[in-house]
Amino acid sequence: MTGGATRLKQATVRKAAKKPAAKSLARNPLEPKRVTAILDILAKTYPGVVCALNHRNAWELTVATILSAQCTDVRVNLVTPALFKAFPTPKAMASASLPELEELIRTTGFFRNKAKSIQGAARVVVEEFGGKIPQSMEEILRLPGVARKTANVVLGSWYGIAVGVVVDTHVMRISRRLELTRETSPEKIERDLMKIIPQDHWINLSHELIHHGRQVCIARKPRCIDCTLEKLCNSGDKTWTSHPA
């Protein structure tokens, strides 16, 4: 091999050695330090954040969360005062007529199914749990209209029991944008988050992500320029970035 050819080969080898690995391989979104940084920033951005659904007890929170399906919390908070004034306890709601319930919750959407769910839940609470919302995932899931999201909301926000992570549309969107999960179903996203988030953060994380999703990381045209997590985010649909090209 000639001297020129040797130098060319050596230069090629050096160039290849300096070439960075593919972006997907060089960066680990689930690096514990990154996850901790995300949690710290969210906690500082939304200190003392709580559930946005107005409630005075576990029963009211259960009903409000059932009503929040496919409906904004603002709308639910407009509806529940009259609902709970008319039927303040599980026993009262269990004996209500469906037409009465339907009329009171009509503006939340899917009101017929929701009326059946909240009345069914009231009857189970009265007949099987002595009028009180149970404090275990297994038992609370026996209430009609209650799936893991509602169960996690009530257990976490009212009882302070961290059994899982509330995964609503905001949590789904943001956890995917932050590459904390690649899943698309709430159940699988929850499992992924529970693996990487310390249990003592499960309750607050949901509240923080929900507030962040409403105020900044909105579905269309997220306000990335105002986002405190922007430097840690590499989402493909960012509207602004501080990252070097």
Protein backbone atom coordinates (compact mmCIF):
# COMPACT_ATOMS: atom_id res chain seq x y z
CA MET A 1 0.00 0.00 0.00
CA THR A 2 1.42 3.44 -0.89
CA GLY A 3 2.02 6.14 1.69
CA GLY A 4 -0.85 8.23 0.31
CA ALA A 5 -3.25 5.31 0.45
CA THR A 6 -2.18 4.52 4.01
CA ARG A 7 -2.77 8.09 5.16
CA LEU A 8 -6.20 8.13 3.45
CA LYS A 9 -7.20 4.88 5.19
CA GLN A 10 -6.04 6.19 8.58
CA ALA A 11 -7.97 9.42 8.12
CA THR A 12 -11.09 7.44 7.21
CA VAL A 13 -10.75 5.29 10.33
CA ARG A 14 -10.30 8.39 12.52
CA LYS A 15 -13.33 10.05 10.95
CA ALA A 16 -15.45 6.95 11.52
CA ALA A 17 -14.33 6.75 15.14
CA LYS A 18 -15.41 10.35 15.75
CA LYS A 19 -18.81 9.85 14.12
CA PRO A 20 -21.48 9.83 16.86
CA ALA A 21 -23.82 6.89 17.24
CA ALA A 22 -27.31 7.17 15.87
CA LYS A 23 -29.45 9.54 17.90
CA SER A 24 -31.84 6.80 18.97
CA LEU A 25 -28.94 4.78 20.34
CA ALA A 26 -26.87 7.59 21.81
CA ARG A 27 -29.61 9.04 24.02
CA ASN A 28 -31.55 7.14 26.67
CA PRO A 29 -34.84 8.92 27.47
CA LEU A 30 -35.32 6.69 30.51
CA GLU A 31 -31.99 7.60 32.08
CA PRO A 32 -32.75 7.93 35.83
CA LYS A 33 -31.11 11.37 35.99
CA ARG A 34 -33.37 12.62 33.20
CA VAL A 35 -36.50 11.19 34.83
CA THR A 36 -35.52 12.78 38.15
CA ALA A 37 -34.95 16.12 36.41
CA ILE A 38 -38.42 15.93 34.85
CA LEU A 39 -40.01 15.21 38.22
CA ASP A 40 -38.11 18.06 39.91
CA ILE A 41 -39.08 20.58 37.23
CA LEU A 42 -42.76 19.58 37.32
CA ALA A 43 -42.83 19.84 41.12
CA LYS A 44 -41.33 23.35 41.00
CA THR A 45 -43.60 24.44 38.14
CA TYR A 46 -46.81 23.23 39.79
CA PRO A 47 -46.30 23.36 43.56
CA GLY A 48 -49.21 22.16 45.68
CA VAL A 49 -51.23 21.09 42.66
CA VAL A 50 -54.43 19.16 43.42
CA CYS A 51 -57.27 17.46 41.57
CA ALA A 52 -59.22 19.92 39.44
CA LEU A 53 -62.58 18.26 40.15
CA ASN A 54 -64.47 19.95 42.98
CA HIS A 55 -65.50 17.52 45.72
CA ARG A 56 -66.08 17.31 49.46
CA ASN A 57 -65.70 13.57 49.99
CA ALA A 58 -64.69 10.34 48.29
CA TRP A 59 -68.19 9.70 46.98
CA GLU A 60 -68.45 13.08 45.27
CA LEU A 61 -65.01 12.61 43.73
CA THR A 62 -66.03 9.18 42.42
CA VAL A 63 -69.14 10.58 40.78
CA ALA A 64 -67.32 13.62 39.39
CA THR A 65 -64.60 11.44 37.87
CA ILE A 66 -67.16 9.16 36.22
CA LEU A 67 -68.85 12.25 34.76
CA SER A 68 -65.51 13.61 33.51
CA ALA A 69 -65.21 10.93 30.82
CA GLN A 70 -65.27 12.69 27.45
CA CYS A 71 -66.02 15.94 29.26
CA THR A 72 -64.01 18.82 30.67
CA ASP A 73 -63.49 19.24 34.39
CA VAL A 74 -64.87 22.76 34.08
CA ARG A 75 -68.17 21.42 32.78
CA VAL A 76 -68.32 18.73 35.48
CA ASN A 77 -67.74 21.35 38.17
CA LEU A 78 -70.70 23.32 36.81
CA VAL A 79 -72.96 20.28 36.96
CA THR A 80 -72.11 18.61 40.26
CA PRO A 81 -73.34 21.30 42.72
CA ALA A 82 -76.97 20.83 41.63
CA LEU A 83 -76.52 17.06 41.39
CA PHE A 84 -75.20 16.72 44.93
CA LYS A 85 -77.76 19.18 46.29
CA ALA A 86 -80.54 16.98 44.91
CA PHE A 87 -78.87 13.68 45.86
CA PRO A 88 -76.21 14.34 48.51
CA THR A 89 -75.46 10.74 49.51
CA PRO A 90 -74.99 7.36 47.82
CA LYS A 91 -78.27 6.25 49.41
CA ALA A 92 -80.15 9.20 47.94
CA MET A 93 -78.65 8.68 44.50
CA ALA A 94 -79.35 4.95 44.61
CA SER A 95 -83.06 5.65 44.99
CA ALA A 96 -83.25 8.46 42.43
CA SER A 97 -85.06 8.04 39.15
CA LEU A 98 -82.90 7.76 36.06
CA PRO A 99 -84.73 10.58 34.23
CA GLU A 100 -83.93 12.92 37.14
CA LEU A 101 -80.25 11.97 37.08
CA GLU A 102 -80.06 12.20 33.31
CA GLU A 103 -81.48 15.72 33.29
CA LEU A 104 -79.04 16.93 35.93
CA ILE A 105 -75.96 15.58 34.10
CA ARG A 106 -77.15 16.01 30.51
CA THR A 107 -74.52 18.57 29.52
CA THR A 108 -71.62 16.24 30.43
CA GLY A 109 -72.36 14.06 27.40
CA PHE A 110 -73.23 10.36 27.25
CA PHE A 111 -75.62 11.23 30.08
CA ARG A 112 -77.76 8.10 29.86
CA ASN A 113 -74.83 5.74 30.35
CA LYS A 114 -73.33 7.98 33.01
CA ALA A 115 -76.63 8.14 34.90
CA LYS A 116 -76.78 4.34 34.97
CA SER A 117 -73.16 4.17 36.13
CA ILE A 118 -73.44 6.64 39.00
CA GLN A 119 -76.69 5.12 40.21
CA GLY A 120 -75.25 1.62 39.91
CA ALA A 121 -72.16 2.74 41.82
CA ALA A 122 -74.36 4.26 44.51
CA ARG A 123 -76.25 1.02 44.98
CA VAL A 124 -73.08 -1.06 45.27
CA VAL A 125 -71.58 1.42 47.74
CA VAL A 126 -74.72 1.25 49.89
CA GLU A 127 -75.37 -2.47 49.64
CA GLU A 128 -71.82 -3.82 49.79
CA PHE A 129 -69.67 -1.15 51.43
CA GLY A 130 -71.89 0.46 54.05
CA GLY A 131 -72.24 3.72 52.16
CA LYS A 132 -68.49 4.37 51.97
CA ILE A 133 -66.11 4.25 49.01
CA PRO A 134 -63.70 1.33 49.54
CA GLN A 135 -59.99 1.98 49.88
CA SER A 136 -58.57 -0.85 47.77
CA MET A 137 -58.20 -1.15 44.00
CA GLU A 138 -59.85 -4.56 43.95
CA GLU A 139 -62.96 -3.37 45.77
CA ILE A 140 -63.39 0.03 44.13
CA LEU A 141 -63.27 -1.57 40.68
CA ARG A 142 -66.48 -3.39 41.59
CA LEU A 143 -68.38 -0.11 41.26
CA PRO A 144 -70.18 0.35 37.92
CA GLY A 145 -68.49 3.00 35.79
CA VAL A 146 -65.22 2.77 37.70
CA ALA A 147 -62.10 1.67 35.81
CA ARG A 148 -58.44 2.12 36.81
CA LYS A 149 -58.36 5.82 35.97
CA THR A 150 -61.26 6.67 38.26
CA ALA A 151 -59.97 4.28 40.92
CA ASN A 152 -56.54 5.90 40.89
CA VAL A 153 -58.07 9.38 41.08
CA VAL A 154 -60.14 8.53 44.15
CA LEU A 155 -57.55 6.40 45.94
CA GLY A 156 -54.80 8.93 45.28
CA SER A 157 -56.53 12.29 45.60
CA TRP A 158 -58.85 11.50 48.50
CA TYR A 159 -57.23 8.66 50.41
CA GLY A 160 -53.60 9.42 49.54
CA ILE A 161 -53.07 5.81 48.49
CA ALA A 162 -50.63 5.43 45.58
CA VAL A 163 -51.74 2.24 43.88
CA GLY A 164 -51.12 3.43 40.33
CA VAL A 165 -50.83 6.45 38.04
CA VAL A 166 -53.84 8.30 36.67
CA VAL A 167 -53.57 8.18 32.87
CA ASP A 168 -55.92 10.55 31.08
CA THR A 169 -55.48 12.13 27.65
CA HIS A 170 -53.00 14.73 28.97
CA VAL A 171 -50.84 12.17 30.75
CA MET A 172 -50.91 9.95 27.66
CA ARG A 173 -49.84 12.77 25.36
CA ILE A 174 -47.10 14.23 27.52
CA SER A 175 -45.56 10.94 28.66
CA ARG A 176 -45.25 9.96 24.99
CA ARG A 177 -43.83 13.35 23.99
CA LEU A 178 -41.25 13.04 26.76
CA GLU A 179 -40.48 9.49 25.57
CA LEU A 180 -41.30 7.99 28.94
CA THR A 181 -43.35 5.41 27.06
CA ARG A 182 -44.06 4.29 23.51
CA GLU A 183 -47.36 2.65 24.37
CA THR A 184 -50.74 3.96 23.28
CA SER A 185 -53.19 2.31 25.69
CA PRO A 186 -53.75 3.79 29.18
CA GLU A 187 -53.10 0.47 30.90
CA LYS A 188 -49.73 -0.08 29.23
CA ILE A 189 -48.70 3.55 29.69
CA GLU A 190 -49.51 3.28 33.37
CA ARG A 191 -47.36 0.17 33.70
CA ASP A 192 -44.44 1.91 31.97
CA LEU A 193 -44.69 4.96 34.22
CA MET A 194 -44.91 2.84 37.35
CA LYS A 195 -41.63 1.17 36.38
CA ILE A 196 -39.62 4.39 36.11
CA ILE A 197 -41.37 6.80 38.50
CA PRO A 198 -40.87 6.38 42.27
CA GLN A 199 -44.12 5.42 43.98
CA ASP A 200 -44.11 8.51 46.18
CA HIS A 201 -44.43 10.61 43.00
CA TRP A 202 -47.31 8.72 41.39
CA ILE A 203 -50.12 10.86 42.77
CA ASN A 204 -48.56 14.29 42.19
CA LEU A 205 -47.15 13.36 38.80
CA SER A 206 -50.62 12.85 37.36
CA HIS A 207 -51.86 16.22 38.68
CA GLU A 208 -48.76 17.98 37.39
CA LEU A 209 -48.94 16.45 33.91
CA ILE A 210 -52.66 17.18 33.66
CA HIS A 211 -52.13 20.84 34.54
CA HIS A 212 -49.13 21.03 32.20
CA GLY A 213 -51.21 19.53 29.41
CA ARG A 214 -53.98 22.06 29.86
CA GLN A 215 -51.77 25.12 30.15
CA VAL A 216 -48.66 24.47 28.05
CA CYS A 217 -48.26 21.09 26.38
CA ILE A 218 -51.57 21.25 24.54
CA ALA A 219 -52.50 18.74 21.86
CA ARG A 220 -52.22 21.11 18.91
CA LYS A 221 -49.36 23.59 18.69
CA PRO A 222 -47.86 23.06 22.14
CA ARG A 223 -46.43 26.22 23.70
CA CYS A 224 -42.88 24.91 23.74
CA ILE A 225 -41.34 28.35 24.12
CA ASP A 226 -43.05 28.63 27.53
CA CYS A 227 -42.36 25.03 28.60
CA THR A 228 -40.12 24.43 31.62
CA LEU A 229 -39.43 20.93 30.29
CA GLU A 230 -38.42 22.07 26.80
CA LYS A 231 -34.70 21.43 27.24
CA LEU A 232 -35.44 17.82 28.16
CA CYS A 233 -37.93 17.25 25.36
CA ASN A 234 -37.12 15.92 21.91
CA SER A 235 -40.66 15.46 20.64
CA GLY A 236 -41.07 15.55 16.87
CA ASP A 237 -44.01 17.98 17.02
CA LYS A 238 -42.29 20.73 19.00
CA THR A 239 -43.20 24.25 17.88
CA TRP A 240 -39.97 25.80 19.19
CA THR A 241 -36.64 24.43 20.34
CA SER A 242 -33.54 25.65 22.12
CA HIS A 243 -31.62 22.57 21.00
CA PRO A 244 -28.77 23.11 18.52
CA ALA A 245 -29.43 21.80 15.03
